[in-house]
C-alpha atoms as a PDB file:
ATOM      1  CA  MET A   1      53.261  72.787  53.317  1.00  0.00           C
ATOM      2  CA  LYS A   2      55.604  70.586  51.308  1.00  0.00           C
ATOM      3  CA  THR A   3      58.520  68.885  53.012  1.00  0.00           C
ATOM      4  CA  ALA A   4      61.901  69.176  51.270  1.00  0.00           C
ATOM      5  CA  PHE A   5      64.442  66.362  51.507  1.00  0.00           C
ATOM      6  CA  ILE A   6      66.839  64.332  49.359  1.00  0.00           C
ATOM      7  CA  ILE A   7      66.807  60.508  49.126  1.00  0.00           C
ATOM      8  CA  ASN A   8      69.420  59.013  46.805  1.00  0.00           C
ATOM      9  CA  ASN A   9      69.610  55.414  48.050  1.00  0.00           C
ATOM     10  CA  PRO A  10      66.615  54.251  50.127  1.00  0.00           C
ATOM     11  CA  SER A  11      67.709  51.959  52.945  1.00  0.00           C
ATOM     12  CA  PRO A  12      65.875  48.873  54.326  1.00  0.00           C
ATOM     13  CA  ASP A  13      65.186  50.867  57.502  1.00  0.00           C
ATOM     14  CA  LEU A  14      63.503  53.543  55.438  1.00  0.00           C
ATOM     15  CA  LYS A  15      61.437  50.941  53.594  1.00  0.00           C
ATOM     16  CA  ASN A  16      60.255  49.446  56.891  1.00  0.00           C
ATOM     17  CA  ALA A  17      59.434  52.883  58.340  1.00  0.00           C
ATOM     18  CA  LEU A  18      57.454  53.775  55.218  1.00  0.00           C
ATOM     19  CA  LYS A  19      55.609  50.465  55.393  1.00  0.00           C
ATOM     20  CA  ASP A  20      54.655  51.039  59.029  1.00  0.00           C
ATOM     21  CA  CYS A  21      53.367  54.510  58.179  1.00  0.00           C
ATOM     22  CA  LEU A  22      51.319  53.347  55.191  1.00  0.00           C
ATOM     23  CA  LEU A  23      49.701  50.593  57.252  1.00  0.00           C
ATOM     24  CA  SER A  24      48.907  53.048  60.032  1.00  0.00           C
ATOM     25  CA  ILE A  25      47.224  55.705  57.860  1.00  0.00           C
ATOM     26  CA  ILE A  26      45.497  53.670  55.090  1.00  0.00           C
ATOM     27  CA  TRP A  27      42.882  50.971  55.757  1.00  0.00           C
ATOM     28  CA  LYS A  28      41.360  49.932  52.421  1.00  0.00           C
ATOM     29  CA  LYS A  29      43.488  48.051  49.876  1.00  0.00           C
ATOM     30  CA  ASP A  30      42.103  50.112  47.005  1.00  0.00           C
ATOM     31  CA  ASP A  31      43.081  53.299  48.873  1.00  0.00           C
ATOM     32  CA  LEU A  32      46.588  51.901  49.330  1.00  0.00           C
ATOM     33  CA  ILE A  33      46.966  51.249  45.594  1.00  0.00           C
ATOM     34  CA  SER A  34      45.612  54.735  44.821  1.00  0.00           C
ATOM     35  CA  ALA A  35      48.053  56.286  47.278  1.00  0.00           C
ATOM     36  CA  LEU A  36      51.012  54.463  45.721  1.00  0.00           C
ATOM     37  CA  LYS A  37      49.930  55.507  42.221  1.00  0.00           C
ATOM     38  CA  SER A  38      49.696  59.113  43.415  1.00  0.00           C
ATOM     39  CA  CYS A  39      53.341  58.746  44.455  1.00  0.00           C
ATOM     40  CA  ASN A  40      54.342  57.824  40.872  1.00  0.00           C
ATOM     41  CA  PHE A  41      54.388  54.035  41.354  1.00  0.00           C
ATOM     42  CA  SER A  42      53.909  52.627  37.824  1.00  0.00           C
ATOM     43  CA  ASP A  43      51.923  49.546  36.834  1.00  0.00           C
ATOM     44  CA  LYS A  44      55.245  47.731  36.571  1.00  0.00           C
ATOM     45  CA  ASP A  45      56.051  48.759  40.139  1.00  0.00           C
ATOM     46  CA  LEU A  46      52.697  47.342  41.265  1.00  0.00           C
ATOM     47  CA  ALA A  47      52.959  44.103  39.232  1.00  0.00           C
ATOM     48  CA  GLY A  48      52.221  40.983  41.259  1.00  0.00           C
ATOM     49  CA  ILE A  49      49.906  42.687  43.734  1.00  0.00           C
ATOM     50  CA  LYS A  50      46.560  40.880  44.193  1.00  0.00           C
ATOM     51  CA  ASN A  51      43.413  41.681  46.148  1.00  0.00           C
ATOM     52  CA  ASP A  52      43.633  38.509  48.257  1.00  0.00           C
ATOM     53  CA  GLN A  53      46.990  39.629  49.695  1.00  0.00           C
ATOM     54  CA  HIS A  54      47.407  41.436  52.978  1.00  0.00           C
ATOM     55  CA  LYS A  55      48.318  45.120  52.710  1.00  0.00           C
ATOM     56  CA  SER A  56      51.696  44.303  54.243  1.00  0.00           C
ATOM     57  CA  GLN A  57      52.397  41.854  51.393  1.00  0.00           C
ATOM     58  CA  MET A  58      51.212  44.354  48.814  1.00  0.00           C
ATOM     59  CA  ILE A  59      53.629  46.992  50.117  1.00  0.00           C
ATOM     60  CA  ASP A  60      56.522  44.497  50.179  1.00  0.00           C
ATOM     61  CA  ILE A  61      55.881  43.542  46.543  1.00  0.00           C
ATOM     62  CA  ALA A  62      55.669  47.183  45.476  1.00  0.00           C
ATOM     63  CA  PHE A  63      58.971  48.025  47.174  1.00  0.00           C
ATOM     64  CA  GLU A  64      60.704  44.911  45.792  1.00  0.00           C
ATOM     65  CA  ASN A  65      59.661  45.955  42.278  1.00  0.00           C
ATOM     66  CA  LEU A  66      60.628  49.544  42.984  1.00  0.00           C
ATOM     67  CA  PHE A  67      64.125  48.651  44.181  1.00  0.00           C
ATOM     68  CA  LEU A  68      64.781  46.868  40.868  1.00  0.00           C
ATOM     69  CA  ARG A  69      64.942  50.306  39.272  1.00  0.00           C
ATOM     70  CA  SER A  70      68.425  51.679  38.580  1.00  0.00           C
ATOM     71  CA  ASP A  71      67.758  54.563  40.977  1.00  0.00           C
ATOM     72  CA  LYS A  72      66.165  52.255  43.585  1.00  0.00           C
ATOM     73  CA  GLY A  73      62.930  54.165  43.111  1.00  0.00           C
ATOM     74  CA  SER A  74      64.242  57.302  44.799  1.00  0.00           C
ATOM     75  CA  THR A  75      61.662  59.513  43.062  1.00  0.00           C
ATOM     76  CA  GLN A  76      58.728  57.355  44.203  1.00  0.00           C
ATOM     77  CA  ILE A  77      60.148  56.989  47.713  1.00  0.00           C
ATOM     78  CA  ARG A  78      60.630  60.724  47.960  1.00  0.00           C
ATOM     79  CA  SER A  79      57.038  61.296  46.914  1.00  0.00           C
ATOM     80  CA  ALA A  80      55.741  58.699  49.401  1.00  0.00           C
ATOM     81  CA  VAL A  81      57.731  60.271  52.218  1.00  0.00           C
ATOM     82  CA  GLY A  82      56.350  63.689  51.343  1.00  0.00           C
ATOM     83  CA  MET A  83      52.787  62.358  51.347  1.00  0.00           C
ATOM     84  CA  ILE A  84      53.252  60.740  54.761  1.00  0.00           C
ATOM     85  CA  LEU A  85      55.039  63.622  56.476  1.00  0.00           C
ATOM     86  CA  ASN A  86      52.344  66.012  55.268  1.00  0.00           C
ATOM     87  CA  TRP A  87      49.438  63.671  56.054  1.00  0.00           C
ATOM     88  CA  SER A  88      46.481  65.572  57.530  1.00  0.00           C
ATOM     89  CA  ASP A  89      43.457  63.364  56.825  1.00  0.00           C
ATOM     90  CA  PHE A  90      42.535  62.210  60.324  1.00  0.00           C
ATOM     91  CA  ASN A  91      38.779  62.861  60.063  1.00  0.00           C
ATOM     92  CA  SER A  92      37.612  60.153  57.667  1.00  0.00           C
ATOM     93  CA  TYR A  93      35.326  57.247  58.592  1.00  0.00           C
ATOM     94  CA  TYR A  94      38.088  54.821  59.545  1.00  0.00           C
ATOM     95  CA  TRP A  95      39.644  57.290  61.974  1.00  0.00           C
ATOM     96  CA  CYS A  96      36.319  58.196  63.527  1.00  0.00           C
ATOM     97  CA  ASN A  97      35.188  54.588  64.088  1.00  0.00           C
ATOM     98  CA  GLY A  98      38.471  53.580  65.690  1.00  0.00           C
ATOM     99  CA  THR A  99      39.698  51.283  62.909  1.00  0.00           C
ATOM    100  CA  LEU A 100      42.743  53.532  62.491  1.00  0.00           C
ATOM    101  CA  ASN A 101      44.474  55.035  65.535  1.00  0.00           C
ATOM    102  CA  LYS A 102      45.631  58.631  65.120  1.00  0.00           C
ATOM    103  CA  GLU A 103      47.990  58.541  68.113  1.00  0.00           C
ATOM    104  CA  GLN A 104      49.759  55.438  66.832  1.00  0.00           C
ATOM    105  CA  ALA A 105      49.907  56.833  63.310  1.00  0.00           C
ATOM    106  CA  LEU A 106      51.532  60.041  64.511  1.00  0.00           C
ATOM    107  CA  ILE A 107      54.143  57.987  66.379  1.00  0.00           C
ATOM    108  CA  LYS A 108      54.955  56.085  63.170  1.00  0.00           C
ATOM    109  CA  ILE A 109      55.187  59.328  61.194  1.00  0.00           C
ATOM    110  CA  ASP A 110      57.417  60.859  63.856  1.00  0.00           C
ATOM    111  CA  ASN A 111      59.696  57.796  63.703  1.00  0.00           C
ATOM    112  CA  LEU A 112      59.986  58.281  59.938  1.00  0.00           C
ATOM    113  CA  ARG A 113      60.788  61.943  60.449  1.00  0.00           C
ATOM    114  CA  LYS A 114      63.539  61.040  62.920  1.00  0.00           C
ATOM    115  CA  LEU A 115      64.945  58.443  60.541  1.00  0.00           C
ATOM    116  CA  LEU A 116      65.187  61.094  57.829  1.00  0.00           C
ATOM    117  CA  GLY A 117      66.961  63.417  60.223  1.00  0.00           C
ATOM    118  CA  LYS A 118      63.968  65.725  60.561  1.00  0.00           C
ATOM    119  CA  LYS A 119      63.722  67.462  63.903  1.00  0.00           C
ATOM    120  CA  THR A 120      60.792  66.778  66.170  1.00  0.00           C
ATOM    121  CA  GLU A 121      59.605  69.701  68.246  1.00  0.00           C
ATOM    122  CA  GLN A 122      61.488  68.353  71.255  1.00  0.00           C
ATOM    123  CA  ASP A 123      64.632  67.773  69.204  1.00  0.00           C
ATOM    124  CA  GLN A 124      64.390  71.317  67.867  1.00  0.00           C
ATOM    125  CA  GLU A 125      64.086  72.724  71.372  1.00  0.00           C
ATOM    126  CA  LEU A 126      67.229  70.852  72.395  1.00  0.00           C
ATOM    127  CA  GLN A 127      69.033  72.073  69.288  1.00  0.00           C
ATOM    128  CA  ASP A 128      67.922  75.657  69.931  1.00  0.00           C
ATOM    129  CA  LYS A 129      69.155  75.390  73.518  1.00  0.00           C
ATOM    130  CA  LYS A 130      72.504  74.050  72.333  1.00  0.00           C
ATOM    131  CA  GLU A 131      72.825  76.903  69.827  1.00  0.00           C
ATOM    132  CA  ARG A 132      71.957  79.481  72.497  1.00  0.00           C
ATOM    133  CA  GLU A 133      74.578  78.017  74.830  1.00  0.00           C
ATOM    134  CA  GLU A 134      77.166  78.019  72.046  1.00  0.00           C
ATOM    135  CA  LYS A 135      76.348  81.621  71.172  1.00  0.00           C
ATOM    136  CA  LEU A 136      76.624  82.622  74.841  1.00  0.00           C
ATOM    137  CA  LYS A 137      79.972  80.834  75.053  1.00  0.00           C
ATOM    138  CA  GLN A 138      81.205  82.701  71.984  1.00  0.00           C
ATOM    139  CA  GLU A 139      80.034  86.019  73.445  1.00  0.00           C
ATOM    140  CA  GLN A 140      81.859  85.264  76.686  1.00  0.00           C
ATOM    141  CA  GLN A 141      85.044  84.526  74.747  1.00  0.00           C
ATOM    142  CA  LYS A 142      84.886  87.729  72.708  1.00  0.00           C
ATOM    143  CA  PRO A 143      86.674  89.993  75.234  1.00  0.00           C
ATOM    144  CA  LYS A 144      89.617  87.578  75.325  1.00  0.00           C
ATOM    145  CA  LEU A 145      89.699  87.264  71.519  1.00  0.00           C
ATOM    146  CA  LEU A 146      89.720  91.044  71.133  1.00  0.00           C
ATOM    147  CA  ALA A 147      92.424  91.303  73.811  1.00  0.00           C
ATOM    148  CA  ASP A 148      94.499  88.763  71.868  1.00  0.00           C
ATOM    149  CA  LEU A 149      94.176  90.899  68.722  1.00  0.00           C
ATOM    150  CA  ASN A 150      95.235  93.934  70.724  1.00  0.00           C
ATOM    151  CA  THR A 151      98.275  92.039  72.032  1.00  0.00           C
ATOM    152  CA  ARG A 152      99.192  91.076  68.482  1.00  0.00           C
ATOM    153  CA  PHE A 153      99.088  94.736  67.467  1.00  0.00           C
ATOM    154  CA  SER A 154     101.233  95.732  70.459  1.00  0.00           C
ATOM    155  CA  ASN A 155     103.798  93.116  69.466  1.00  0.00           C
ATOM    156  CA  LEU A 156     103.819  94.458  65.916  1.00  0.00           C
ATOM    157  CA  CYS A 157     104.649  97.906  67.269  1.00  0.00           C
ATOM    158  CA  LYS A 158     107.903  96.442  68.597  1.00  0.00           C
ATOM    159  CA  MET A 159     108.976  95.066  65.204  1.00  0.00           C
ATOM    160  CA  ASN A 160     110.488  98.253  63.753  1.00  0.00           C
ATOM    161  CA  GLN A 161     113.425  96.409  62.244  1.00  0.00           C
ATOM    162  CA  PHE A 162     111.167  93.934  60.434  1.00  0.00           C
ATOM    163  CA  SER A 163     109.030  96.337  58.404  1.00  0.00           C
ATOM    164  CA  GLN A 164     108.199  93.928  55.557  1.00  0.00           C
ATOM    165  CA  LYS A 165     107.136  91.126  57.901  1.00  0.00           C
ATOM    166  CA  ARG A 166     105.284  93.634  60.061  1.00  0.00           C
ATOM    167  CA  GLY A 167     103.300  94.861  57.063  1.00  0.00           C
ATOM    168  CA  TYR A 168     102.314  91.312  56.182  1.00  0.00           C
ATOM    169  CA  GLU A 169     101.283  90.582  59.776  1.00  0.00           C
ATOM    170  CA  LEU A 170      99.259  93.806  59.822  1.00  0.00           C
ATOM    171  CA  GLU A 171      97.259  92.604  56.807  1.00  0.00           C
ATOM    172  CA  LYS A 172      96.478  89.335  58.607  1.00  0.00           C
ATOM    173  CA  LEU A 173      95.542  91.202  61.777  1.00  0.00           C
ATOM    174  CA  LEU A 174      93.075  93.416  59.916  1.00  0.00           C
ATOM    175  CA  CYS A 175      91.472  90.421  58.204  1.00  0.00           C
ATOM    176  CA  ASP A 176      91.112  88.662  61.564  1.00  0.00           C
ATOM    177  CA  LEU A 177      89.618  91.830  63.005  1.00  0.00           C
ATOM    178  CA  PHE A 178      86.962  91.918  60.283  1.00  0.00           C
ATOM    179  CA  VAL A 179      86.189  88.261  60.960  1.00  0.00           C
ATOM    180  CA  PHE A 180      85.917  88.993  64.705  1.00  0.00           C
ATOM    181  CA  PHE A 181      83.213  91.541  63.930  1.00  0.00           C
ATOM    182  CA  GLU A 182      81.484  89.001  61.665  1.00  0.00           C
ATOM    183  CA  MET A 183      82.129  90.842  58.428  1.00  0.00           C
ATOM    184  CA  ASP A 184      82.660  89.088  55.096  1.00  0.00           C
ATOM    185  CA  VAL A 185      86.326  89.494  54.223  1.00  0.00           C
ATOM    186  CA  CYS A 186      88.598  88.323  51.434  1.00  0.00           C
ATOM    187  CA  ARG A 187      92.324  88.170  52.084  1.00  0.00           C
ATOM    188  CA  ALA A 188      95.070  89.367  49.745  1.00  0.00           C
ATOM    189  CA  PHE A 189      94.440  88.764  46.028  1.00  0.00           C
ATOM    190  CA  LYS A 190      95.322  90.144  42.624  1.00  0.00           C
ATOM    191  CA  LEU A 191      92.788  92.192  40.680  1.00  0.00           C
ATOM    192  CA  GLN A 192      93.494  93.083  37.042  1.00  0.00           C
ATOM    193  CA  GLY A 193      97.219  92.641  37.673  1.00  0.00           C
ATOM    194  CA  GLU A 194      97.190  94.761  40.852  1.00  0.00           C
ATOM    195  CA  GLN A 195      97.950  93.388  44.296  1.00  0.00           C
ATOM    196  CA  ILE A 196      95.128  94.021  46.781  1.00  0.00           C
ATOM    197  CA  ASP A 197      95.749  93.581  50.518  1.00  0.00           C
ATOM    198  CA  GLY A 198      92.143  92.498  51.044  1.00  0.00           C
ATOM    199  CA  SER A 199      88.484  93.333  50.615  1.00  0.00           C
ATOM    200  CA  PHE A 200      85.330  93.262  52.715  1.00  0.00           C
ATOM    201  CA  ASN A 201      81.607  93.832  52.370  1.00  0.00           C
ATOM    202  CA  PHE A 202      79.961  96.491  54.507  1.00  0.00           C
ATOM    203  CA  LEU A 203      76.322  97.569  54.247  1.00  0.00           C
ATOM    204  CA  ASN A 204      76.060  95.690  50.942  1.00  0.00           C
ATOM    205  CA  GLN A 205      78.966  97.632  49.457  1.00  0.00           C
ATOM    206  CA  ASN A 206      82.309  96.105  48.463  1.00  0.00           C
ATOM    207  CA  TYR A 207      85.489  97.778  49.693  1.00  0.00           C
ATOM    208  CA  ILE A 208      89.121  97.052  48.977  1.00  0.00           C
ATOM    209  CA  PHE A 209      91.632  97.988  51.635  1.00  0.00           C
ATOM    210  CA  GLU A 210      95.347  98.550  51.875  1.00  0.00           C
ATOM    211  CA  ALA A 211      97.484  98.614  54.978  1.00  0.00           C
ATOM    212  CA  LYS A 212     100.802 100.470  55.296  1.00  0.00           C
ATOM    213  CA  TRP A 213     103.200 100.760  58.173  1.00  0.00           C
ATOM    214  CA  GLN A 214     105.792 103.079  56.697  1.00  0.00           C
ATOM    215  CA  SER A 215     107.100 106.563  57.194  1.00  0.00           C
ATOM    216  CA  MET A 216     104.527 109.276  56.485  1.00  0.00           C
ATOM    217  CA  GLU A 217     106.361 110.362  53.335  1.00  0.00           C
ATOM    218  CA  VAL A 218     106.430 106.886  51.823  1.00  0.00           C
ATOM    219  CA  ALA A 219     102.814 106.309  52.809  1.00  0.00           C
ATOM    220  CA  ILE A 220     101.776 109.356  50.738  1.00  0.00           C
ATOM    221  CA  ASP A 221     102.916 107.714  47.504  1.00  0.00           C
ATOM    222  CA  SER A 222     101.112 104.502  48.458  1.00  0.00           C
ATOM    223  CA  LEU A 223      97.987 106.516  49.265  1.00  0.00           C
ATOM    224  CA  TYR A 224      97.957 108.122  45.822  1.00  0.00           C
ATOM    225  CA  THR A 225      98.411 104.737  44.140  1.00  0.00           C
ATOM    226  CA  PHE A 226      95.587 103.223  46.185  1.00  0.00           C
ATOM    227  CA  ALA A 227      93.257 106.146  45.477  1.00  0.00           C
ATOM    228  CA  TYR A 228      93.800 105.560  41.762  1.00  0.00           C
ATOM    229  CA  LYS A 229      92.938 101.851  42.183  1.00  0.00           C
ATOM    230  CA  VAL A 230      89.662 102.818  43.831  1.00  0.00           C
ATOM    231  CA  GLU A 231      88.744 105.447  41.244  1.00  0.00           C
ATOM    232  CA  THR A 232      89.370 103.133  38.291  1.00  0.00           C
ATOM    233  CA  ASN A 233      87.858  99.972  39.754  1.00  0.00           C
ATOM    234  CA  THR A 234      84.338  98.911  38.791  1.00  0.00           C
ATOM    235  CA  PHE A 235      84.200  95.788  40.979  1.00  0.00           C
ATOM    236  CA  TYR A 236      85.352  97.510  44.168  1.00  0.00           C
ATOM    237  CA  PRO A 237      84.500 101.224  43.765  1.00  0.00           C
ATOM    238  CA  ARG A 238      85.208 102.062  47.409  1.00  0.00           C
ATOM    239  CA  GLY A 239      88.309 101.764  49.517  1.00  0.00           C
ATOM    240  CA  VAL A 240      89.747 102.016  53.023  1.00  0.00           C
ATOM    241  CA  PHE A 241      93.386 102.928  53.548  1.00  0.00           C
ATOM    242  CA  PHE A 242      95.101 102.017  56.825  1.00  0.00           C
ATOM    243  CA  SER A 243      98.237 104.025  57.580  1.00  0.00           C
ATOM    244  CA  ILE A 244      99.624 103.273  61.022  1.00  0.00           C
ATOM    245  CA  SER A 245     102.026 106.199  60.685  1.00  0.00           C
ATOM    246  CA  GLY A 246      99.188 108.624  59.988  1.00  0.00           C
ATOM    247  CA  TYR A 247      98.729 111.233  57.260  1.00  0.00           C
ATOM    248  CA  SER A 248     100.082 114.692  56.640  1.00  0.00           C
ATOM    249  CA  LYS A 249      97.573 117.547  56.231  1.00  0.00           C
ATOM    250  CA  ASP A 250      98.959 118.234  52.766  1.00  0.00           C
ATOM    251  CA  ALA A 251      98.403 114.607  51.687  1.00  0.00           C
ATOM    252  CA  ILE A 252      94.811 114.619  52.934  1.00  0.00           C
ATOM    253  CA  ALA A 253      94.071 117.919  51.213  1.00  0.00           C
ATOM    254  CA  ARG A 254      95.578 116.818  47.921  1.00  0.00           C
ATOM    255  CA  ILE A 255      93.947 113.378  47.883  1.00  0.00           C
ATOM    256  CA  SER A 256      90.554 114.926  48.689  1.00  0.00           C
ATOM    257  CA  HIS A 257      90.702 117.724  46.095  1.00  0.00           C
ATOM    258  CA  HIS A 258      88.018 117.412  43.378  1.00  0.00           C
ATOM    259  CA  LYS A 259      87.454 113.713  44.107  1.00  0.00           C
ATOM    260  CA  LYS A 260      84.342 111.748  45.001  1.00  0.00           C
ATOM    261  CA  PRO A 261      84.230 110.529  48.630  1.00  0.00           C
ATOM    262  CA  GLN A 262      85.006 106.916  47.664  1.00  0.00           C
ATOM    263  CA  LEU A 263      87.938 106.590  50.030  1.00  0.00           C
ATOM    264  CA  ILE A 264      88.211 106.782  53.820  1.00  0.00           C
ATOM    265  CA  LEU A 265      91.389 106.925  55.886  1.00  0.00           C
ATOM    266  CA  ILE A 266      92.145 105.082  59.123  1.00  0.00           C
ATOM    267  CA  ASP A 267      95.208 105.497  61.342  1.00  0.00           C
ATOM    268  CA  SER A 268      96.707 103.780  64.385  1.00  0.00           C
ATOM    269  CA  MET A 269      94.558 105.752  66.858  1.00  0.00           C
ATOM    270  CA  ASP A 270      91.414 104.528  65.087  1.00  0.00           C
ATOM    271  CA  LEU A 271      92.696 100.975  65.129  1.00  0.00           C
ATOM    272  CA  MET A 272      93.631 101.130  68.810  1.00  0.00           C
ATOM    273  CA  ALA A 273      90.147 102.390  69.710  1.00  0.00           C
ATOM    274  CA  VAL A 274      88.683  99.321  68.031  1.00  0.00           C
ATOM    275  CA  LEU A 275      91.185  96.887  69.550  1.00  0.00           C
ATOM    276  CA  GLU A 276      90.615  98.341  73.014  1.00  0.00           C
ATOM    277  CA  GLY A 277      86.864  97.856  72.649  1.00  0.00           C
ATOM    278  CA  ARG A 278      85.975 101.559  72.712  1.00  0.00           C
ATOM    279  CA  ILE A 279      84.243 101.370  69.330  1.00  0.00           C
ATOM    280  CA  SER A 280      83.324  98.568  66.940  1.00  0.00           C
ATOM    281  CA  ILE A 281      84.814  98.410  63.473  1.00  0.00           C
ATOM    282  CA  SER A 282      81.270  98.688  62.064  1.00  0.00           C
ATOM    283  CA  LYS A 283      80.555 101.912  63.931  1.00  0.00           C
ATOM    284  CA  LEU A 284      83.962 103.305  63.045  1.00  0.00           C
ATOM    285  CA  LEU A 285      83.372 102.645  59.351  1.00  0.00           C
ATOM    286  CA  SER A 286      79.817 104.029  59.518  1.00  0.00           C
ATOM    287  CA  LYS A 287      81.024 107.265  61.085  1.00  0.00           C
ATOM    288  CA  LYS A 288      83.927 107.602  58.674  1.00  0.00           C
ATOM    289  CA  ILE A 289      81.664 107.003  55.683  1.00  0.00           C
ATOM    290  CA  GLU A 290      79.122 109.502  57.015  1.00  0.00           C
ATOM    291  CA  TYR A 291      81.784 112.213  57.327  1.00  0.00           C
ATOM    292  CA  ALA A 292      83.114 111.446  53.854  1.00  0.00           C
ATOM    293  CA  GLN A 293      79.721 111.463  52.125  1.00  0.00           C
ATOM    294  CA  THR A 294      78.056 114.358  53.971  1.00  0.00           C
ATOM    295  CA  ARG A 295      81.030 116.632  54.641  1.00  0.00           C
ATOM    296  CA  GLY A 296      83.583 115.557  52.066  1.00  0.00           C
ATOM    297  CA  ASN A 297      85.997 114.749  54.902  1.00  0.00           C
ATOM    298  CA  ILE A 298      87.727 111.426  54.229  1.00  0.00           C
ATOM    299  CA  TYR A 299      89.780 111.638  57.411  1.00  0.00           C
ATOM    300  CA  VAL A 300      88.499 112.560  60.869  1.00  0.00           C
ATOM    301  CA  ASN A 301      90.406 111.782  64.056  1.00  0.00           C
ATOM    302  CA  ILE A 302      88.905 109.326  66.518  1.00  0.00           C
ATOM    303  CA  SER A 303      88.347 111.893  69.274  1.00  0.00           C
ATOM    304  CA  GLU A 304      86.171 114.085  67.092  1.00  0.00           C
ATOM    305  CA  LEU A 305      84.401 111.062  65.665  1.00  0.00           C
ATOM    306  CA  MET A 306      83.474 109.551  69.025  1.00  0.00           C
ATOM    307  CA  ASN A 307      82.239 112.907  70.354  1.00  0.00           C
ATOM    308  CA  SER A 308      79.989 113.520  67.373  1.00  0.00           C
END
């Protein structure tokens, strides 16, 4: 298996670690030269190397020549590192007769791996443990985070005289709620000249959403406008409309008439069920979508939905 890594500017420490590894895994001088050539060392890179030199000297000369390159020989170094980290030839004559020591060689290779930031098995175990502890900590914090979102919604309910600010804060709350449930969300943006409160991805489908906290009559006009956005949009062909004030039966009937089930409706009771932890936003959306696609019902109250 090949090892993937990036080396842009080989350091002296890396050169020394590579040298130690090469000396620990290769015994014959001819084999050393062959190994370097297999790692793209050119004749110019190997200039000055002689058979009467020690292998240590030969490696030093090769690296000195290599570092004269404009890229410091990053390609050759990368190839040499790959060869060493994937070294598996521990059964040849020089290993079997004790000339080369496998245990010491593996220590040198492991030191190189550490220098490159590669995880040893022990390091990986520690990292995995740290990640498990962090995940557990996040899970333990979730009830408080959801409670904080619920408190924010309760505070918004007291802002009747600040309807415009309340609507803006509702958009932010919904985006934060999607993030809480680990859903990909995009905050307010403009699409083809139209203002979109936000979008999210659910079950590999893109949805735009709009949030309104207005009187039921005003919300009807907004609902019609949003439905048109969904029907005429090729990038986001599905939508979710949040109306905290709810929907009239006439509005639901008219918006559903002779239309594809591309739109689902959510009200304050739905939102409260999610914020109180009685249902996840994912399950709520799944149920709503199921009703819309199988029964043509784009709005179902939370009591019926949770009992189904």
